[in-house]
């Protein structure tokens, strides 16, 4: 069931995952650690499969840009940056700096 997050003006959803206790302990010592680790793993997979953007990873994990970059790097996630992104960045720089 969606839960409004008053601080960030977003709606969140709580998800319950049932797994054997001995397996759960591989992810952490308590429910908070286990939940966080499973959330992190879900965001890594979501980013790798391109279901999640870098910004969405940041939002889900409550991280700033630098923390997100570090997190994705530590989890061996390649940067999603293609020729269209490069062209868009070039156009934006040209608008700011003027033609070269």
N, C-alpha and C. Protein backbone atom coordinates (compact mmCIF):
# COMPACT_ATOMS: atom_id res chain seq x y z
N UNK A 1 0.83 -1.17 0.00
CA UNK A 1 0.00 0.00 0.00
C UNK A 1 0.88 1.25 0.00
N UNK A 2 0.63 2.21 -0.88
CA UNK A 2 1.45 3.42 -0.94
C UNK A 2 1.42 4.21 0.37
N UNK A 3 2.58 4.77 0.71
CA UNK A 3 2.72 5.61 1.89
C UNK A 3 3.27 6.97 1.47
N UNK A 4 2.56 8.07 1.81
CA UNK A 4 3.11 9.38 1.44
C UNK A 4 4.30 9.72 2.32
N UNK A 5 5.36 10.23 1.71
CA UNK A 5 6.53 10.70 2.43
C UNK A 5 6.46 12.21 2.44
N UNK A 6 6.05 12.77 3.57
CA UNK A 6 5.80 14.20 3.68
C UNK A 6 7.07 15.00 3.40
N UNK A 7 8.24 14.54 3.83
CA UNK A 7 9.49 15.28 3.66
C UNK A 7 9.85 15.47 2.20
N UNK A 8 9.67 14.48 1.38
CA UNK A 8 10.14 14.56 0.00
C UNK A 8 9.01 14.67 -1.03
N UNK A 9 7.77 14.73 -0.58
CA UNK A 9 6.62 14.80 -1.49
C UNK A 9 6.56 13.63 -2.45
N UNK A 10 7.04 12.47 -2.04
CA UNK A 10 6.95 11.28 -2.87
C UNK A 10 6.07 10.26 -2.17
N UNK A 11 5.58 9.33 -2.94
CA UNK A 11 4.79 8.23 -2.40
C UNK A 11 5.69 7.00 -2.42
N UNK A 12 5.75 6.28 -1.31
CA UNK A 12 6.57 5.08 -1.23
C UNK A 12 5.69 3.85 -1.11
N UNK A 13 6.26 2.71 -1.38
CA UNK A 13 5.56 1.44 -1.26
C UNK A 13 6.41 0.52 -0.41
N UNK A 14 5.82 -0.09 0.61
CA UNK A 14 6.50 -1.09 1.42
C UNK A 14 6.30 -2.45 0.78
N UNK A 15 7.39 -3.21 0.67
CA UNK A 15 7.33 -4.53 0.06
C UNK A 15 7.83 -5.54 1.08
N UNK A 16 7.12 -6.63 1.24
CA UNK A 16 7.53 -7.68 2.16
C UNK A 16 8.05 -8.85 1.35
N UNK A 17 9.26 -9.28 1.68
CA UNK A 17 9.88 -10.41 1.01
C UNK A 17 10.07 -11.51 2.06
N UNK A 18 9.59 -12.69 1.78
CA UNK A 18 9.72 -13.80 2.71
C UNK A 18 10.79 -14.76 2.20
N UNK A 19 11.87 -14.89 2.99
CA UNK A 19 12.95 -15.80 2.65
C UNK A 19 13.37 -16.55 3.91
N UNK A 20 13.95 -17.72 3.77
CA UNK A 20 14.39 -18.48 4.94
C UNK A 20 15.38 -17.67 5.78
N UNK A 21 15.28 -17.79 7.10
CA UNK A 21 16.10 -17.02 8.02
C UNK A 21 17.59 -17.24 7.81
N UNK A 22 18.00 -18.48 7.54
CA UNK A 22 19.43 -18.73 7.36
C UNK A 22 19.97 -18.03 6.11
N UNK A 23 19.16 -17.89 5.11
CA UNK A 23 19.57 -17.15 3.91
C UNK A 23 19.53 -15.65 4.19
N UNK A 24 18.51 -15.19 4.88
CA UNK A 24 18.40 -13.77 5.22
C UNK A 24 19.62 -13.29 5.99
N UNK A 25 20.14 -14.12 6.88
CA UNK A 25 21.31 -13.73 7.68
C UNK A 25 22.54 -13.47 6.83
N UNK A 26 22.56 -13.99 5.62
CA UNK A 26 23.68 -13.72 4.71
C UNK A 26 23.68 -12.26 4.25
N UNK A 27 22.55 -11.59 4.41
CA UNK A 27 22.43 -10.20 3.98
C UNK A 27 22.59 -9.20 5.12
N UNK A 28 22.60 -9.67 6.36
CA UNK A 28 22.77 -8.75 7.48
C UNK A 28 22.43 -9.40 8.80
N UNK A 29 22.70 -8.65 9.87
CA UNK A 29 22.48 -9.17 11.22
C UNK A 29 21.09 -8.91 11.76
N UNK A 30 20.40 -7.91 11.19
CA UNK A 30 19.06 -7.58 11.66
C UNK A 30 18.18 -7.19 10.47
N UNK A 31 16.89 -7.00 10.73
CA UNK A 31 15.95 -6.72 9.64
C UNK A 31 16.32 -5.45 8.87
N UNK A 32 16.81 -4.44 9.58
CA UNK A 32 17.18 -3.18 8.91
C UNK A 32 18.33 -3.40 7.93
N UNK A 33 19.35 -4.11 8.36
CA UNK A 33 20.50 -4.40 7.47
C UNK A 33 20.07 -5.27 6.30
N UNK A 34 19.25 -6.26 6.58
CA UNK A 34 18.78 -7.16 5.52
C UNK A 34 17.96 -6.38 4.50
N UNK A 35 17.03 -5.55 4.97
CA UNK A 35 16.20 -4.75 4.06
C UNK A 35 17.05 -3.83 3.21
N UNK A 36 18.02 -3.17 3.83
CA UNK A 36 18.88 -2.23 3.09
C UNK A 36 19.68 -2.97 2.01
N UNK A 37 20.26 -4.10 2.38
CA UNK A 37 21.08 -4.84 1.42
C UNK A 37 20.26 -5.35 0.24
N UNK A 38 19.05 -5.84 0.52
CA UNK A 38 18.18 -6.29 -0.57
C UNK A 38 17.76 -5.11 -1.46
N UNK A 39 17.50 -3.95 -0.85
CA UNK A 39 17.17 -2.76 -1.62
C UNK A 39 18.35 -2.36 -2.52
N UNK A 40 19.55 -2.38 -1.95
CA UNK A 40 20.73 -2.06 -2.73
C UNK A 40 20.90 -3.02 -3.90
N UNK A 41 20.71 -4.29 -3.65
CA UNK A 41 20.86 -5.28 -4.72
C UNK A 41 19.80 -5.08 -5.81
N UNK A 42 18.59 -4.73 -5.40
CA UNK A 42 17.53 -4.47 -6.38
C UNK A 42 17.86 -3.25 -7.23
N UNK A 43 18.43 -2.21 -6.61
CA UNK A 43 18.76 -1.02 -7.39
C UNK A 43 19.92 -1.30 -8.35
N UNK A 44 20.89 -2.08 -7.92
CA UNK A 44 22.00 -2.44 -8.81
C UNK A 44 21.45 -3.18 -10.03
N UNK A 45 20.63 -4.17 -9.80
CA UNK A 45 20.06 -4.94 -10.92
C UNK A 45 19.18 -4.05 -11.79
N UNK A 46 18.38 -3.20 -11.17
CA UNK A 46 17.53 -2.28 -11.93
C UNK A 46 18.34 -1.34 -12.80
N UNK A 47 19.46 -0.85 -12.27
CA UNK A 47 20.32 0.05 -13.05
C UNK A 47 21.00 -0.71 -14.18
N UNK A 48 21.55 -1.87 -13.87
CA UNK A 48 22.23 -2.66 -14.91
C UNK A 48 21.30 -3.03 -16.06
N UNK A 49 20.05 -3.33 -15.73
CA UNK A 49 19.09 -3.72 -16.76
C UNK A 49 18.42 -2.51 -17.42
N UNK A 50 18.83 -1.31 -17.00
CA UNK A 50 18.31 -0.04 -17.53
C UNK A 50 16.85 0.20 -17.18
N UNK A 51 16.35 -0.49 -16.17
CA UNK A 51 15.00 -0.20 -15.68
C UNK A 51 15.01 1.04 -14.80
N UNK A 52 16.16 1.32 -14.18
CA UNK A 52 16.31 2.48 -13.30
C UNK A 52 17.39 3.40 -13.83
N UNK A 53 17.16 4.68 -13.71
CA UNK A 53 18.18 5.67 -14.06
C UNK A 53 19.08 5.90 -12.86
N UNK A 54 20.18 6.59 -13.08
CA UNK A 54 21.08 6.95 -11.99
C UNK A 54 20.33 7.78 -10.94
N UNK A 55 19.50 8.70 -11.40
CA UNK A 55 18.71 9.53 -10.48
C UNK A 55 17.74 8.70 -9.65
N UNK A 56 17.15 7.70 -10.25
CA UNK A 56 16.23 6.83 -9.51
C UNK A 56 16.97 6.00 -8.48
N UNK A 57 18.18 5.56 -8.82
CA UNK A 57 19.01 4.83 -7.84
C UNK A 57 19.28 5.74 -6.66
N UNK A 58 19.67 6.97 -6.94
CA UNK A 58 19.95 7.95 -5.90
C UNK A 58 18.73 8.17 -5.01
N UNK A 59 17.58 8.32 -5.63
CA UNK A 59 16.33 8.54 -4.89
C UNK A 59 15.98 7.33 -4.03
N UNK A 60 16.07 6.13 -4.58
CA UNK A 60 15.71 4.93 -3.83
C UNK A 60 16.61 4.71 -2.63
N UNK A 61 17.90 5.04 -2.78
CA UNK A 61 18.84 4.77 -1.70
C UNK A 61 19.08 5.98 -0.80
N UNK A 62 18.47 7.11 -1.14
CA UNK A 62 18.64 8.31 -0.32
C UNK A 62 20.07 8.83 -0.35
N UNK A 63 20.69 8.77 -1.52
CA UNK A 63 22.09 9.18 -1.67
C UNK A 63 22.19 10.44 -2.52
N UNK A 64 23.25 11.22 -2.28
CA UNK A 64 23.51 12.35 -3.16
C UNK A 64 24.25 11.84 -4.40
N UNK A 65 24.60 12.76 -5.31
CA UNK A 65 25.20 12.37 -6.57
C UNK A 65 26.51 11.63 -6.36
N UNK A 66 27.38 12.17 -5.51
CA UNK A 66 28.69 11.56 -5.28
C UNK A 66 28.56 10.18 -4.64
N UNK A 67 27.68 10.06 -3.67
CA UNK A 67 27.46 8.76 -3.02
C UNK A 67 26.93 7.74 -4.02
N UNK A 68 26.04 8.17 -4.90
CA UNK A 68 25.48 7.27 -5.92
C UNK A 68 26.56 6.82 -6.89
N UNK A 69 27.40 7.76 -7.33
CA UNK A 69 28.51 7.41 -8.22
C UNK A 69 29.41 6.37 -7.57
N UNK A 70 29.75 6.59 -6.32
CA UNK A 70 30.62 5.66 -5.59
C UNK A 70 29.95 4.31 -5.45
N UNK A 71 28.68 4.30 -5.05
CA UNK A 71 27.93 3.06 -4.87
C UNK A 71 27.90 2.25 -6.17
N UNK A 72 27.56 2.89 -7.28
CA UNK A 72 27.47 2.18 -8.55
C UNK A 72 28.85 1.70 -9.00
N UNK A 73 29.86 2.50 -8.77
CA UNK A 73 31.22 2.09 -9.12
C UNK A 73 31.66 0.87 -8.31
N UNK A 74 31.40 0.90 -7.01
CA UNK A 74 31.77 -0.22 -6.14
C UNK A 74 31.04 -1.51 -6.52
N UNK A 75 29.87 -1.34 -7.15
CA UNK A 75 29.08 -2.49 -7.58
C UNK A 75 29.28 -2.80 -9.07
N UNK A 76 30.35 -2.25 -9.63
CA UNK A 76 30.76 -2.54 -11.01
C UNK A 76 29.65 -2.28 -12.03
N UNK A 77 28.95 -1.15 -11.86
CA UNK A 77 27.90 -0.77 -12.80
C UNK A 77 28.47 0.21 -13.81
N UNK A 78 28.39 -0.14 -15.09
CA UNK A 78 28.87 0.74 -16.14
C UNK A 78 27.97 1.96 -16.25
N UNK A 79 28.56 3.04 -16.63
CA UNK A 79 27.83 4.30 -16.82
C UNK A 79 26.98 4.19 -18.08
N UNK A 80 25.73 4.58 -17.99
CA UNK A 80 24.85 4.61 -19.15
C UNK A 80 25.04 5.96 -19.83
N UNK A 81 25.84 5.99 -20.83
CA UNK A 81 26.14 7.23 -21.55
C UNK A 81 26.41 6.86 -22.99
N UNK A 82 25.54 7.32 -23.87
CA UNK A 82 25.71 6.95 -25.27
C UNK A 82 25.88 8.20 -26.12
N UNK A 83 25.92 8.03 -27.42
CA UNK A 83 26.17 9.14 -28.33
C UNK A 83 25.09 10.21 -28.23
N UNK A 84 23.85 9.81 -27.98
CA UNK A 84 22.78 10.80 -27.82
C UNK A 84 23.02 11.66 -26.59
N UNK A 85 23.48 11.04 -25.50
CA UNK A 85 23.79 11.81 -24.29
C UNK A 85 24.93 12.79 -24.57
N UNK A 86 25.94 12.34 -25.29
CA UNK A 86 27.07 13.19 -25.63
C UNK A 86 26.61 14.39 -26.46
N UNK A 87 25.78 14.14 -27.45
CA UNK A 87 25.27 15.22 -28.30
C UNK A 87 24.42 16.21 -27.50
N UNK A 88 23.61 15.70 -26.60
CA UNK A 88 22.80 16.57 -25.76
C UNK A 88 23.69 17.44 -24.87
N UNK A 89 24.72 16.83 -24.29
CA UNK A 89 25.66 17.60 -23.47
C UNK A 89 26.38 18.65 -24.31
N UNK A 90 26.76 18.30 -25.51
CA UNK A 90 27.42 19.25 -26.40
C UNK A 90 26.51 20.43 -26.71
N UNK A 91 25.24 20.16 -27.03
CA UNK A 91 24.27 21.23 -27.31
C UNK A 91 24.07 22.12 -26.09
N UNK A 92 23.96 21.50 -24.92
CA UNK A 92 23.77 22.30 -23.70
C UNK A 92 24.98 23.18 -23.41
N UNK A 93 26.17 22.65 -23.60
CA UNK A 93 27.38 23.46 -23.40
C UNK A 93 27.44 24.59 -24.41
N UNK A 94 27.05 24.32 -25.63
CA UNK A 94 27.07 25.36 -26.66
C UNK A 94 26.09 26.48 -26.30
N UNK A 95 24.93 26.13 -25.73
CA UNK A 95 23.97 27.15 -25.30
C UNK A 95 24.56 28.01 -24.20
N UNK A 96 25.29 27.37 -23.29
CA UNK A 96 25.86 28.09 -22.15
C UNK A 96 27.08 28.91 -22.56
N UNK A 97 28.00 28.29 -23.30
CA UNK A 97 29.28 28.92 -23.63
C UNK A 97 29.30 29.61 -24.98
N UNK A 98 28.32 29.32 -25.83
CA UNK A 98 28.32 29.85 -27.18
C UNK A 98 29.04 28.89 -28.10
N UNK A 99 28.91 29.13 -29.40
CA UNK A 99 29.55 28.24 -30.38
C UNK A 99 31.07 28.26 -30.22
N UNK A 100 31.70 27.12 -30.52
CA UNK A 100 33.16 27.03 -30.39
C UNK A 100 33.88 27.56 -31.61
